[in-house]
Amino acid sequence: MREAENYTPNRVLITIGKRIETYPRLSHLKRLSKEQRAHYDMKFGFGSTDKQPKIPQEQAELYKNLGISVILGLRGGFGKHILSKLEEMSPNLTPRDFESLGDEVASELRSLLNKISSVI
């Protein structure tokens, strides 16, 4: 996936920020394909919520079939504190939480952690 934040389960994302803003954003996120979600900027989305959404030129093809309501719903992202929230909630997360992101995600994370462990 593009960044560490892209591995954050929905169970964590729903707890970030005001529920009235986060719940609709998460609903829009669920409409992305696995590949789209893997490249989505989880922190900043498609730009600031007070501006026109902006999809990076190199990702235009990837997101070309997304409806405007989804693009608008995802423009603000989930904020800068995704990883700290993930760390905070990590004792309560299970492999199943990560598997909801894709069948291969839990094994991919295990592999990454093994590589890090071997270096340390």
PDB file of N, CA and C in Angstrom:
ATOM      1  N   MET A   1       0.844  -1.177   0.000  1.00  0.00           N
ATOM      2  CA  MET A   1       0.000   0.000   0.000  1.00  0.00           C
ATOM      3  C   MET A   1       0.889   1.241   0.000  1.00  0.00           C
ATOM      4  N   ARG A   2       0.300   2.369  -0.330  1.00  0.00           N
ATOM      5  CA  ARG A   2       1.060   3.596  -0.537  1.00  0.00           C
ATOM      6  C   ARG A   2       1.736   4.114   0.725  1.00  0.00           C
ATOM      7  N   GLU A   3       1.008   4.160   1.831  1.00  0.00           N
ATOM      8  CA  GLU A   3       1.540   4.679   3.096  1.00  0.00           C
ATOM      9  C   GLU A   3       1.042   3.805   4.238  1.00  0.00           C
ATOM     10  N   ALA A   4       1.675   3.927   5.391  1.00  0.00           N
ATOM     11  CA  ALA A   4       1.284   3.131   6.559  1.00  0.00           C
ATOM     12  C   ALA A   4      -0.186   3.360   6.921  1.00  0.00           C
ATOM     13  N   GLU A   5      -0.672   4.579   6.750  1.00  0.00           N
ATOM     14  CA  GLU A   5      -2.068   4.896   7.097  1.00  0.00           C
ATOM     15  C   GLU A   5      -3.073   4.070   6.295  1.00  0.00           C
ATOM     16  N   ASN A   6      -2.673   3.623   5.102  1.00  0.00           N
ATOM     17  CA  ASN A   6      -3.585   2.844   4.274  1.00  0.00           C
ATOM     18  C   ASN A   6      -3.880   1.461   4.882  1.00  0.00           C
ATOM     19  N   TYR A   7      -3.099   1.043   5.869  1.00  0.00           N
ATOM     20  CA  TYR A   7      -3.322  -0.225   6.547  1.00  0.00           C
ATOM     21  C   TYR A   7      -4.250  -0.083   7.758  1.00  0.00           C
ATOM     22  N   THR A   8      -4.746   1.097   8.004  1.00  0.00           N
ATOM     23  CA  THR A   8      -5.585   1.335   9.176  1.00  0.00           C
ATOM     24  C   THR A   8      -6.984   0.765   8.961  1.00  0.00           C
ATOM     25  N   PRO A   9      -7.410  -0.142   9.849  1.00  0.00           N
ATOM     26  CA  PRO A   9      -8.746  -0.730   9.720  1.00  0.00           C
ATOM     27  C   PRO A   9      -9.856   0.302   9.945  1.00  0.00           C
ATOM     28  N   ASN A  10     -11.006   0.031   9.370  1.00  0.00           N
ATOM     29  CA  ASN A  10     -12.165   0.913   9.533  1.00  0.00           C
ATOM     30  C   ASN A  10     -12.539   1.084  10.998  1.00  0.00           C
ATOM     31  N   ARG A  11     -12.326   0.042  11.788  1.00  0.00           N
ATOM     32  CA  ARG A  11     -12.639   0.101  13.219  1.00  0.00           C
ATOM     33  C   ARG A  11     -11.870   1.220  13.915  1.00  0.00           C
ATOM     34  N   VAL A  12     -10.694   1.527  13.440  1.00  0.00           N
ATOM     35  CA  VAL A  12      -9.896   2.631  13.988  1.00  0.00           C
ATOM     36  C   VAL A  12     -10.357   3.957  13.381  1.00  0.00           C
ATOM     37  N   LEU A  13     -10.547   3.977  12.076  1.00  0.00           N
ATOM     38  CA  LEU A  13     -10.919   5.218  11.391  1.00  0.00           C
ATOM     39  C   LEU A  13     -12.205   5.830  11.932  1.00  0.00           C
ATOM     40  N   ILE A  14     -13.168   4.988  12.295  1.00  0.00           N
ATOM     41  CA  ILE A  14     -14.452   5.501  12.765  1.00  0.00           C
ATOM     42  C   ILE A  14     -14.315   6.269  14.081  1.00  0.00           C
ATOM     43  N   THR A  15     -13.217   6.061  14.798  1.00  0.00           N
ATOM     44  CA  THR A  15     -13.028   6.728  16.091  1.00  0.00           C
ATOM     45  C   THR A  15     -12.297   8.064  15.974  1.00  0.00           C
ATOM     46  N   ILE A  16     -11.900   8.433  14.764  1.00  0.00           N
ATOM     47  CA  ILE A  16     -11.113   9.654  14.571  1.00  0.00           C
ATOM     48  C   ILE A  16     -12.037  10.840  14.301  1.00  0.00           C
ATOM     49  N   GLY A  17     -11.864  11.885  15.079  1.00  0.00           N
ATOM     50  CA  GLY A  17     -12.630  13.107  14.846  1.00  0.00           C
ATOM     51  C   GLY A  17     -14.070  12.995  15.287  1.00  0.00           C
ATOM     52  N   LYS A  18     -14.875  13.902  14.768  1.00  0.00           N
ATOM     53  CA  LYS A  18     -16.300  13.946  15.099  1.00  0.00           C
ATOM     54  C   LYS A  18     -17.034  12.892  14.289  1.00  0.00           C
ATOM     55  N   ARG A  19     -17.803  12.089  14.960  1.00  0.00           N
ATOM     56  CA  ARG A  19     -18.515  10.980  14.310  1.00  0.00           C
ATOM     57  C   ARG A  19     -19.414  11.480  13.167  1.00  0.00           C
ATOM     58  N   ILE A  20     -20.003  12.657  13.327  1.00  0.00           N
ATOM     59  CA  ILE A  20     -20.897  13.206  12.312  1.00  0.00           C
ATOM     60  C   ILE A  20     -20.157  13.477  10.995  1.00  0.00           C
ATOM     61  N   GLU A  21     -18.847  13.702  11.062  1.00  0.00           N
ATOM     62  CA  GLU A  21     -18.025  13.903   9.868  1.00  0.00           C
ATOM     63  C   GLU A  21     -17.365  12.593   9.427  1.00  0.00           C
ATOM     64  N   THR A  22     -16.916  11.813  10.407  1.00  0.00           N
ATOM     65  CA  THR A  22     -16.165  10.602  10.110  1.00  0.00           C
ATOM     66  C   THR A  22     -17.036   9.495   9.520  1.00  0.00           C
ATOM     67  N   TYR A  23     -18.235   9.324  10.028  1.00  0.00           N
ATOM     68  CA  TYR A  23     -19.097   8.244   9.553  1.00  0.00           C
ATOM     69  C   TYR A  23     -19.389   8.362   8.050  1.00  0.00           C
ATOM     70  N   PRO A  24     -19.822   9.532   7.551  1.00  0.00           N
ATOM     71  CA  PRO A  24     -20.045   9.648   6.103  1.00  0.00           C
ATOM     72  C   PRO A  24     -18.758   9.462   5.297  1.00  0.00           C
ATOM     73  N   ARG A  25     -17.646   9.968   5.812  1.00  0.00           N
ATOM     74  CA  ARG A  25     -16.366   9.825   5.104  1.00  0.00           C
ATOM     75  C   ARG A  25     -15.996   8.344   5.000  1.00  0.00           C
ATOM     76  N   LEU A  26     -16.191   7.601   6.076  1.00  0.00           N
ATOM     77  CA  LEU A  26     -15.901   6.170   6.061  1.00  0.00           C
ATOM     78  C   LEU A  26     -16.835   5.444   5.091  1.00  0.00           C
ATOM     79  N   SER A  27     -18.076   5.860   5.022  1.00  0.00           N
ATOM     80  CA  SER A  27     -19.012   5.260   4.057  1.00  0.00           C
ATOM     81  C   SER A  27     -18.527   5.465   2.625  1.00  0.00           C
ATOM     82  N   HIS A  28     -18.000   6.635   2.329  1.00  0.00           N
ATOM     83  CA  HIS A  28     -17.441   6.902   0.995  1.00  0.00           C
ATOM     84  C   HIS A  28     -16.176   6.080   0.765  1.00  0.00           C
ATOM     85  N   LEU A  29     -15.348   5.949   1.790  1.00  0.00           N
ATOM     86  CA  LEU A  29     -14.115   5.168   1.666  1.00  0.00           C
ATOM     87  C   LEU A  29     -14.420   3.711   1.311  1.00  0.00           C
ATOM     88  N   LYS A  30     -15.488   3.180   1.865  1.00  0.00           N
ATOM     89  CA  LYS A  30     -15.879   1.791   1.601  1.00  0.00           C
ATOM     90  C   LYS A  30     -16.277   1.578   0.146  1.00  0.00           C
ATOM     91  N   ARG A  31     -16.539   2.631  -0.579  1.00  0.00           N
ATOM     92  CA  ARG A  31     -16.924   2.518  -1.989  1.00  0.00           C
ATOM     93  C   ARG A  31     -15.715   2.431  -2.924  1.00  0.00           C
ATOM     94  N   LEU A  32     -14.517   2.665  -2.372  1.00  0.00           N
ATOM     95  CA  LEU A  32     -13.306   2.558  -3.186  1.00  0.00           C
ATOM     96  C   LEU A  32     -12.935   1.094  -3.396  1.00  0.00           C
ATOM     97  N   SER A  33     -12.339   0.808  -4.530  1.00  0.00           N
ATOM     98  CA  SER A  33     -11.800  -0.530  -4.762  1.00  0.00           C
ATOM     99  C   SER A  33     -10.575  -0.698  -3.861  1.00  0.00           C
ATOM    100  N   LYS A  34     -10.080  -1.926  -3.738  1.00  0.00           N
ATOM    101  CA  LYS A  34      -8.887  -2.161  -2.913  1.00  0.00           C
ATOM    102  C   LYS A  34      -7.704  -1.351  -3.432  1.00  0.00           C
ATOM    103  N   GLU A  35      -7.550  -1.297  -4.736  1.00  0.00           N
ATOM    104  CA  GLU A  35      -6.434  -0.548  -5.317  1.00  0.00           C
ATOM    105  C   GLU A  35      -6.587   0.951  -5.059  1.00  0.00           C
ATOM    106  N   GLN A  36      -7.805   1.472  -5.196  1.00  0.00           N
ATOM    107  CA  GLN A  36      -8.038   2.894  -4.941  1.00  0.00           C
ATOM    108  C   GLN A  36      -7.757   3.232  -3.480  1.00  0.00           C
ATOM    109  N   ARG A  37      -8.234   2.380  -2.579  1.00  0.00           N
ATOM    110  CA  ARG A  37      -8.009   2.622  -1.146  1.00  0.00           C
ATOM    111  C   ARG A  37      -6.521   2.552  -0.817  1.00  0.00           C
ATOM    112  N   ALA A  38      -5.797   1.658  -1.481  1.00  0.00           N
ATOM    113  CA  ALA A  38      -4.364   1.511  -1.230  1.00  0.00           C
ATOM    114  C   ALA A  38      -3.583   2.766  -1.614  1.00  0.00           C
ATOM    115  N   HIS A  39      -4.119   3.572  -2.526  1.00  0.00           N
ATOM    116  CA  HIS A  39      -3.443   4.784  -2.977  1.00  0.00           C
ATOM    117  C   HIS A  39      -4.062   6.070  -2.437  1.00  0.00           C
ATOM    118  N   TYR A  40      -5.213   5.979  -1.813  1.00  0.00           N
ATOM    119  CA  TYR A  40      -5.891   7.154  -1.267  1.00  0.00           C
ATOM    120  C   TYR A  40      -5.052   7.775  -0.147  1.00  0.00           C
ATOM    121  N   ASP A  41      -4.958   9.084  -0.128  1.00  0.00           N
ATOM    122  CA  ASP A  41      -4.232   9.800   0.920  1.00  0.00           C
ATOM    123  C   ASP A  41      -5.131   9.874   2.149  1.00  0.00           C
ATOM    124  N   MET A  42      -4.948   8.927   3.067  1.00  0.00           N
ATOM    125  CA  MET A  42      -5.818   8.810   4.234  1.00  0.00           C
ATOM    126  C   MET A  42      -5.762  10.051   5.129  1.00  0.00           C
ATOM    127  N   LYS A  43      -4.623  10.707   5.191  1.00  0.00           N
ATOM    128  CA  LYS A  43      -4.496  11.884   6.054  1.00  0.00           C
ATOM    129  C   LYS A  43      -5.210  13.099   5.474  1.00  0.00           C
ATOM    130  N   PHE A  44      -4.986  13.380   4.201  1.00  0.00           N
ATOM    131  CA  PHE A  44      -5.468  14.631   3.611  1.00  0.00           C
ATOM    132  C   PHE A  44      -6.519  14.452   2.528  1.00  0.00           C
ATOM    133  N   GLY A  45      -6.816  13.218   2.160  1.00  0.00           N
ATOM    134  CA  GLY A  45      -7.849  12.954   1.174  1.00  0.00           C
ATOM    135  C   GLY A  45      -7.557  13.581  -0.176  1.00  0.00           C
ATOM    136  N   PHE A  46      -8.591  14.091  -0.786  1.00  0.00           N
ATOM    137  CA  PHE A  46      -8.465  14.751  -2.090  1.00  0.00           C
ATOM    138  C   PHE A  46      -8.379  16.263  -1.910  1.00  0.00           C
ATOM    139  N   GLY A  47      -7.776  16.697  -0.813  1.00  0.00           N
ATOM    140  CA  GLY A  47      -7.588  18.115  -0.559  1.00  0.00           C
ATOM    141  C   GLY A  47      -8.467  18.627   0.562  1.00  0.00           C
ATOM    142  N   SER A  48      -8.299  19.866   0.885  1.00  0.00           N
ATOM    143  CA  SER A  48      -9.011  20.533   1.962  1.00  0.00           C
ATOM    144  C   SER A  48     -10.518  20.506   1.725  1.00  0.00           C
ATOM    145  N   THR A  49     -11.276  20.405   2.816  1.00  0.00           N
ATOM    146  CA  THR A  49     -12.733  20.342   2.705  1.00  0.00           C
ATOM    147  C   THR A  49     -13.349  21.648   2.232  1.00  0.00           C
ATOM    148  N   ASP A  50     -12.612  22.742   2.301  1.00  0.00           N
ATOM    149  CA  ASP A  50     -13.169  24.016   1.863  1.00  0.00           C
ATOM    150  C   ASP A  50     -12.754  24.379   0.435  1.00  0.00           C
ATOM    151  N   LYS A  51     -12.102  23.460  -0.242  1.00  0.00           N
ATOM    152  CA  LYS A  51     -11.660  23.709  -1.615  1.00  0.00           C
ATOM    153  C   LYS A  51     -12.192  22.632  -2.548  1.00  0.00           C
ATOM    154  N   GLN A  52     -12.075  22.904  -3.819  1.00  0.00           N
ATOM    155  CA  GLN A  52     -12.427  21.925  -4.838  1.00  0.00           C
ATOM    156  C   GLN A  52     -11.521  20.700  -4.665  1.00  0.00           C
ATOM    157  N   PRO A  53     -12.084  19.490  -4.700  1.00  0.00           N
ATOM    158  CA  PRO A  53     -11.240  18.306  -4.556  1.00  0.00           C
ATOM    159  C   PRO A  53     -10.194  18.226  -5.671  1.00  0.00           C
ATOM    160  N   LYS A  54      -9.034  17.698  -5.309  1.00  0.00           N
ATOM    161  CA  LYS A  54      -7.954  17.610  -6.285  1.00  0.00           C
ATOM    162  C   LYS A  54      -7.355  16.206  -6.251  1.00  0.00           C
ATOM    163  N   ILE A  55      -7.492  15.506  -7.345  1.00  0.00           N
ATOM    164  CA  ILE A  55      -6.892  14.189  -7.493  1.00  0.00           C
ATOM    165  C   ILE A  55      -5.562  14.383  -8.202  1.00  0.00           C
ATOM    166  N   PRO A  56      -4.473  13.846  -7.623  1.00  0.00           N
ATOM    167  CA  PRO A  56      -3.171  13.987  -8.282  1.00  0.00           C
ATOM    168  C   PRO A  56      -3.212  13.464  -9.718  1.00  0.00           C
ATOM    169  N   GLN A  57      -2.566  14.160 -10.600  1.00  0.00           N
ATOM    170  CA  GLN A  57      -2.575  13.812 -12.029  1.00  0.00           C
ATOM    171  C   GLN A  57      -2.177  12.354 -12.267  1.00  0.00           C
ATOM    172  N   GLU A  58      -1.165  11.880 -11.536  1.00  0.00           N
ATOM    173  CA  GLU A  58      -0.698  10.511 -11.739  1.00  0.00           C
ATOM    174  C   GLU A  58      -1.708   9.459 -11.261  1.00  0.00           C
ATOM    175  N   GLN A  59      -2.760   9.895 -10.533  1.00  0.00           N
ATOM    176  CA  GLN A  59      -3.791   8.976 -10.059  1.00  0.00           C
ATOM    177  C   GLN A  59      -5.125   9.183 -10.774  1.00  0.00           C
ATOM    178  N   ALA A  60      -5.165  10.068 -11.732  1.00  0.00           N
ATOM    179  CA  ALA A  60      -6.415  10.390 -12.429  1.00  0.00           C
ATOM    180  C   ALA A  60      -7.067   9.150 -13.038  1.00  0.00           C
ATOM    181  N   GLU A  61      -6.281   8.310 -13.662  1.00  0.00           N
ATOM    182  CA  GLU A  61      -6.812   7.088 -14.284  1.00  0.00           C
ATOM    183  C   GLU A  61      -7.403   6.151 -13.226  1.00  0.00           C
ATOM    184  N   LEU A  62      -6.730   6.033 -12.085  1.00  0.00           N
ATOM    185  CA  LEU A  62      -7.170   5.156 -11.008  1.00  0.00           C
ATOM    186  C   LEU A  62      -8.546   5.562 -10.467  1.00  0.00           C
ATOM    187  N   TYR A  63      -8.789   6.847 -10.372  1.00  0.00           N
ATOM    188  CA  TYR A  63     -10.029   7.349  -9.777  1.00  0.00           C
ATOM    189  C   TYR A  63     -11.043   7.855 -10.800  1.00  0.00           C
ATOM    190  N   LYS A  64     -10.816   7.632 -12.080  1.00  0.00           N
ATOM    191  CA  LYS A  64     -11.656   8.232 -13.124  1.00  0.00           C
ATOM    192  C   LYS A  64     -13.126   7.815 -13.060  1.00  0.00           C
ATOM    193  N   ASN A  65     -13.422   6.630 -12.551  1.00  0.00           N
ATOM    194  CA  ASN A  65     -14.808   6.151 -12.510  1.00  0.00           C
ATOM    195  C   ASN A  65     -15.512   6.438 -11.182  1.00  0.00           C
ATOM    196  N   LEU A  66     -14.846   7.178 -10.305  1.00  0.00           N
ATOM    197  CA  LEU A  66     -15.455   7.513  -9.019  1.00  0.00           C
ATOM    198  C   LEU A  66     -16.488   8.619  -9.195  1.00  0.00           C
ATOM    199  N   GLY A  67     -17.622   8.462  -8.578  1.00  0.00           N
ATOM    200  CA  GLY A  67     -18.655   9.489  -8.633  1.00  0.00           C
ATOM    201  C   GLY A  67     -18.230  10.736  -7.885  1.00  0.00           C
ATOM    202  N   ILE A  68     -18.753  11.857  -8.292  1.00  0.00           N
ATOM    203  CA  ILE A  68     -18.398  13.138  -7.677  1.00  0.00           C
ATOM    204  C   ILE A  68     -18.780  13.175  -6.198  1.00  0.00           C
ATOM    205  N   SER A  69     -19.867  12.512  -5.812  1.00  0.00           N
ATOM    206  CA  SER A  69     -20.259  12.523  -4.401  1.00  0.00           C
ATOM    207  C   SER A  69     -19.221  11.807  -3.543  1.00  0.00           C
ATOM    208  N   VAL A  70     -18.618  10.754  -4.063  1.00  0.00           N
ATOM    209  CA  VAL A  70     -17.574  10.035  -3.330  1.00  0.00           C
ATOM    210  C   VAL A  70     -16.320  10.900  -3.243  1.00  0.00           C
ATOM    211  N   ILE A  71     -15.956  11.515  -4.341  1.00  0.00           N
ATOM    212  CA  ILE A  71     -14.774  12.394  -4.353  1.00  0.00           C
ATOM    213  C   ILE A  71     -14.957  13.543  -3.362  1.00  0.00           C
ATOM    214  N   LEU A  72     -16.122  14.171  -3.382  1.00  0.00           N
ATOM    215  CA  LEU A  72     -16.388  15.267  -2.439  1.00  0.00           C
ATOM    216  C   LEU A  72     -16.384  14.756  -0.999  1.00  0.00           C
ATOM    217  N   GLY A  73     -16.947  13.573  -0.783  1.00  0.00           N
ATOM    218  CA  GLY A  73     -17.001  12.998   0.557  1.00  0.00           C
ATOM    219  C   GLY A  73     -15.642  12.619   1.113  1.00  0.00           C
ATOM    220  N   LEU A  74     -14.687  12.408   0.236  1.00  0.00           N
ATOM    221  CA  LEU A  74     -13.347  11.989   0.666  1.00  0.00           C
ATOM    222  C   LEU A  74     -12.306  13.101   0.583  1.00  0.00           C
ATOM    223  N   ARG A  75     -12.728  14.306   0.278  1.00  0.00           N
ATOM    224  CA  ARG A  75     -11.718  15.339   0.044  1.00  0.00           C
ATOM    225  C   ARG A  75     -10.958  15.726   1.300  1.00  0.00           C
ATOM    226  N   GLY A  76     -11.508  15.616   2.473  1.00  0.00           N
ATOM    227  CA  GLY A  76     -10.808  16.061   3.683  1.00  0.00           C
ATOM    228  C   GLY A  76      -9.904  15.046   4.344  1.00  0.00           C
ATOM    229  N   GLY A  77     -10.017  13.780   4.012  1.00  0.00           N
ATOM    230  CA  GLY A  77      -9.205  12.755   4.655  1.00  0.00           C
ATOM    231  C   GLY A  77      -9.572  12.569   6.121  1.00  0.00           C
ATOM    232  N   PHE A  78      -8.765  11.792   6.825  1.00  0.00           N
ATOM    233  CA  PHE A  78      -9.037  11.459   8.219  1.00  0.00           C
ATOM    234  C   PHE A  78      -8.100  12.167   9.198  1.00  0.00           C
ATOM    235  N   GLY A  79      -7.212  12.995   8.696  1.00  0.00           N
ATOM    236  CA  GLY A  79      -6.346  13.778   9.569  1.00  0.00           C
ATOM    237  C   GLY A  79      -4.976  13.164   9.814  1.00  0.00           C
ATOM    238  N   LYS A  80      -4.147  13.919  10.506  1.00  0.00           N
ATOM    239  CA  LYS A  80      -2.740  13.564  10.718  1.00  0.00           C
ATOM    240  C   LYS A  80      -2.512  12.526  11.816  1.00  0.00           C
ATOM    241  N   HIS A  81      -3.521  12.231  12.605  1.00  0.00           N
ATOM    242  CA  HIS A  81      -3.311  11.407  13.796  1.00  0.00           C
ATOM    243  C   HIS A  81      -3.763   9.957  13.623  1.00  0.00           C
ATOM    244  N   ILE A  82      -3.851   9.500  12.402  1.00  0.00           N
ATOM    245  CA  ILE A  82      -4.316   8.135  12.138  1.00  0.00           C
ATOM    246  C   ILE A  82      -3.406   7.112  12.806  1.00  0.00           C
ATOM    247  N   LEU A  83      -2.110   7.241  12.631  1.00  0.00           N
ATOM    248  CA  LEU A  83      -1.190   6.235  13.171  1.00  0.00           C
ATOM    249  C   LEU A  83      -1.144   6.252  14.698  1.00  0.00           C
ATOM    250  N   SER A  84      -1.273   7.420  15.304  1.00  0.00           N
ATOM    251  CA  SER A  84      -1.301   7.451  16.771  1.00  0.00           C
ATOM    252  C   SER A  84      -2.577   6.788  17.290  1.00  0.00           C
ATOM    253  N   LYS A  85      -3.680   6.959  16.590  1.00  0.00           N
ATOM    254  CA  LYS A  85      -4.931   6.302  16.969  1.00  0.00           C
ATOM    255  C   LYS A  85      -4.816   4.790  16.766  1.00  0.00           C
ATOM    256  N   LEU A  86      -4.169   4.393  15.671  1.00  0.00           N
ATOM    257  CA  LEU A  86      -3.940   2.970  15.402  1.00  0.00           C
ATOM    258  C   LEU A  86      -3.098   2.355  16.529  1.00  0.00           C
ATOM    259  N   GLU A  87      -2.049   3.048  16.930  1.00  0.00           N
ATOM    260  CA  GLU A  87      -1.198   2.557  18.018  1.00  0.00           C
ATOM    261  C   GLU A  87      -1.990   2.460  19.323  1.00  0.00           C
ATOM    262  N   GLU A  88      -2.790   3.476  19.589  1.00  0.00           N
ATOM    263  CA  GLU A  88      -3.599   3.500  20.815  1.00  0.00           C
ATOM    264  C   GLU A  88      -4.563   2.315  20.868  1.00  0.00           C
ATOM    265  N   MET A  89      -5.136   1.979  19.735  1.00  0.00           N
ATOM    266  CA  MET A  89      -6.138   0.912  19.694  1.00  0.00           C
ATOM    267  C   MET A  89      -5.540  -0.469  19.419  1.00  0.00           C
ATOM    268  N   SER A  90      -4.245  -0.522  19.111  1.00  0.00           N
ATOM    269  CA  SER A  90      -3.629  -1.786  18.690  1.00  0.00           C
ATOM    270  C   SER A  90      -3.829  -2.964  19.647  1.00  0.00           C
ATOM    271  N   PRO A  91      -3.838  -2.765  20.972  1.00  0.00           N
ATOM    272  CA  PRO A  91      -4.049  -3.932  21.837  1.00  0.00           C
ATOM    273  C   PRO A  91      -5.420  -4.603  21.634  1.00  0.00           C
ATOM    274  N   ASN A  92      -6.365  -3.863  21.103  1.00  0.00           N
ATOM    275  CA  ASN A  92      -7.719  -4.403  20.922  1.00  0.00           C
ATOM    276  C   ASN A  92      -8.012  -4.852  19.497  1.00  0.00           C
ATOM    277  N   LEU A  93      -7.045  -4.724  18.607  1.00  0.00           N
ATOM    278  CA  LEU A  93      -7.258  -5.110  17.211  1.00  0.00           C
ATOM    279  C   LEU A  93      -6.874  -6.573  17.004  1.00  0.00           C
ATOM    280  N   THR A  94      -7.545  -7.198  16.058  1.00  0.00           N
ATOM    281  CA  THR A  94      -7.283  -8.600  15.737  1.00  0.00           C
ATOM    282  C   THR A  94      -6.900  -8.709  14.263  1.00  0.00           C
ATOM    283  N   PRO A  95      -6.327  -9.827  13.860  1.00  0.00           N
ATOM    284  CA  PRO A  95      -6.047 -10.016  12.431  1.00  0.00           C
ATOM    285  C   PRO A  95      -7.290  -9.817  11.563  1.00  0.00           C
ATOM    286  N   ARG A  96      -8.436 -10.161  12.091  1.00  0.00           N
ATOM    287  CA  ARG A  96      -9.686  -9.988  11.339  1.00  0.00           C
ATOM    288  C   ARG A  96      -9.947  -8.526  10.971  1.00  0.00           C
ATOM    289  N   ASP A  97      -9.583  -7.608  11.867  1.00  0.00           N
ATOM    290  CA  ASP A  97      -9.745  -6.176  11.578  1.00  0.00           C
ATOM    291  C   ASP A  97      -8.946  -5.790  10.337  1.00  0.00           C
ATOM    292  N   PHE A  98      -7.754  -6.344  10.207  1.00  0.00           N
ATOM    293  CA  PHE A  98      -6.894  -6.032   9.062  1.00  0.00           C
ATOM    294  C   PHE A  98      -7.318  -6.795   7.812  1.00  0.00           C
ATOM    295  N   GLU A  99      -7.834  -8.003   7.994  1.00  0.00           N
ATOM    296  CA  GLU A  99      -8.295  -8.799   6.854  1.00  0.00           C
ATOM    297  C   GLU A  99      -9.481  -8.145   6.162  1.00  0.00           C
ATOM    298  N   SER A 100     -10.205  -7.291   6.890  1.00  0.00           N
ATOM    299  CA  SER A 100     -11.331  -6.588   6.268  1.00  0.00           C
ATOM    300  C   SER A 100     -10.840  -5.632   5.177  1.00  0.00           C
ATOM    301  N   LEU A 101      -9.543  -5.321   5.179  1.00  0.00           N
ATOM    302  CA  LEU A 101      -8.956  -4.462   4.149  1.00  0.00           C
ATOM    303  C   LEU A 101      -8.559  -5.263   2.912  1.00  0.00           C
ATOM    304  N   GLY A 102      -8.592  -6.564   3.034  1.00  0.00           N
ATOM    305  CA  GLY A 102      -8.204  -7.450   1.941  1.00  0.00           C
ATOM    306  C   GLY A 102      -7.590  -8.706   2.522  1.00  0.00           C
ATOM    307  N   ASP A 103      -7.822  -9.822   1.877  1.00  0.00           N
ATOM    308  CA  ASP A 103      -7.346 -11.105   2.385  1.00  0.00           C
ATOM    309  C   ASP A 103      -5.840 -11.140   2.614  1.00  0.00           C
ATOM    310  N   GLU A 104      -5.102 -10.413   1.792  1.00  0.00           N
ATOM    311  CA  GLU A 104      -3.645 -10.458   1.843  1.00  0.00           C
ATOM    312  C   GLU A 104      -3.032  -9.487   2.853  1.00  0.00           C
ATOM    313  N   VAL A 105      -3.813  -8.577   3.408  1.00  0.00           N
ATOM    314  CA  VAL A 105      -3.264  -7.503   4.238  1.00  0.00           C
ATOM    315  C   VAL A 105      -2.632  -8.027   5.526  1.00  0.00           C
ATOM    316  N   ALA A 106      -3.293  -8.930   6.225  1.00  0.00           N
ATOM    317  CA  ALA A 106      -2.734  -9.437   7.482  1.00  0.00           C
ATOM    318  C   ALA A 106      -1.396 -10.130   7.239  1.00  0.00           C
ATOM    319  N   SER A 107      -1.306 -10.944   6.198  1.00  0.00           N
ATOM    320  CA  SER A 107      -0.037 -11.630   5.919  1.00  0.00           C
ATOM    321  C   SER A 107       1.024 -10.636   5.438  1.00  0.00           C
ATOM    322  N   GLU A 108       0.605  -9.619   4.697  1.00  0.00           N
ATOM    323  CA  GLU A 108       1.544  -8.584   4.250  1.00  0.00           C
ATOM    324  C   GLU A 108       2.124  -7.832   5.452  1.00  0.00           C
ATOM    325  N   LEU A 109       1.281  -7.511   6.413  1.00  0.00           N
ATOM    326  CA  LEU A 109       1.758  -6.827   7.617  1.00  0.00           C
ATOM    327  C   LEU A 109       2.693  -7.715   8.436  1.00  0.00           C
ATOM    328  N   ARG A 110       2.360  -9.004   8.548  1.00  0.00           N
ATOM    329  CA  ARG A 110       3.252  -9.931   9.251  1.00  0.00           C
ATOM    330  C   ARG A 110       4.622  -9.953   8.584  1.00  0.00           C
ATOM    331  N   SER A 111       4.631  -9.988   7.260  1.00  0.00           N
ATOM    332  CA  SER A 111       5.882 -10.017   6.506  1.00  0.00           C
ATOM    333  C   SER A 111       6.693  -8.739   6.751  1.00  0.00           C
ATOM    334  N   LEU A 112       6.030  -7.587   6.714  1.00  0.00           N
ATOM    335  CA  LEU A 112       6.714  -6.312   6.979  1.00  0.00           C
ATOM    336  C   LEU A 112       7.287  -6.278   8.393  1.00  0.00           C
ATOM    337  N   LEU A 113       6.521  -6.741   9.366  1.00  0.00           N
ATOM    338  CA  LEU A 113       6.994  -6.744  10.744  1.00  0.00           C
ATOM    339  C   LEU A 113       8.166  -7.710  10.929  1.00  0.00           C
ATOM    340  N   ASN A 114       8.138  -8.836  10.230  1.00  0.00           N
ATOM    341  CA  ASN A 114       9.270  -9.773  10.295  1.00  0.00           C
ATOM    342  C   ASN A 114      10.530  -9.148   9.717  1.00  0.00           C
ATOM    343  N   LYS A 115      10.383  -8.419   8.622  1.00  0.00           N
ATOM    344  CA  LYS A 115      11.545  -7.745   8.011  1.00  0.00           C
ATOM    345  C   LYS A 115      12.117  -6.703   8.967  1.00  0.00           C
ATOM    346  N   ILE A 116      11.254  -5.928   9.578  1.00  0.00           N
ATOM    347  CA  ILE A 116      11.702  -4.914  10.534  1.00  0.00           C
ATOM    348  C   ILE A 116      12.405  -5.593  11.711  1.00  0.00           C
ATOM    349  N   SER A 117      11.806  -6.645  12.213  1.00  0.00           N
ATOM    350  CA  SER A 117      12.370  -7.386  13.325  1.00  0.00           C
ATOM    351  C   SER A 117      13.751  -7.955  12.995  1.00  0.00           C
ATOM    352  N   SER A 118      13.930  -8.431  11.786  1.00  0.00           N
ATOM    353  CA  SER A 118      15.218  -9.009  11.383  1.00  0.00           C
ATOM    354  C   SER A 118      16.308  -7.937  11.293  1.00  0.00           C
ATOM    355  N   VAL A 119      15.927  -6.705  10.999  1.00  0.00           N
ATOM    356  CA  VAL A 119      16.894  -5.612  10.912  1.00  0.00           C
ATOM    357  C   VAL A 119      17.288  -5.135  12.311  1.00  0.00           C
ATOM    358  N   ILE A 120      16.349  -5.155  13.200  1.00  0.00           N
ATOM    359  CA  ILE A 120      16.588  -4.692  14.584  1.00  0.00           C
ATOM    360  C   ILE A 120      17.326  -5.779  15.311  1.00  0.00           C
TER     361      ILE A 120
END
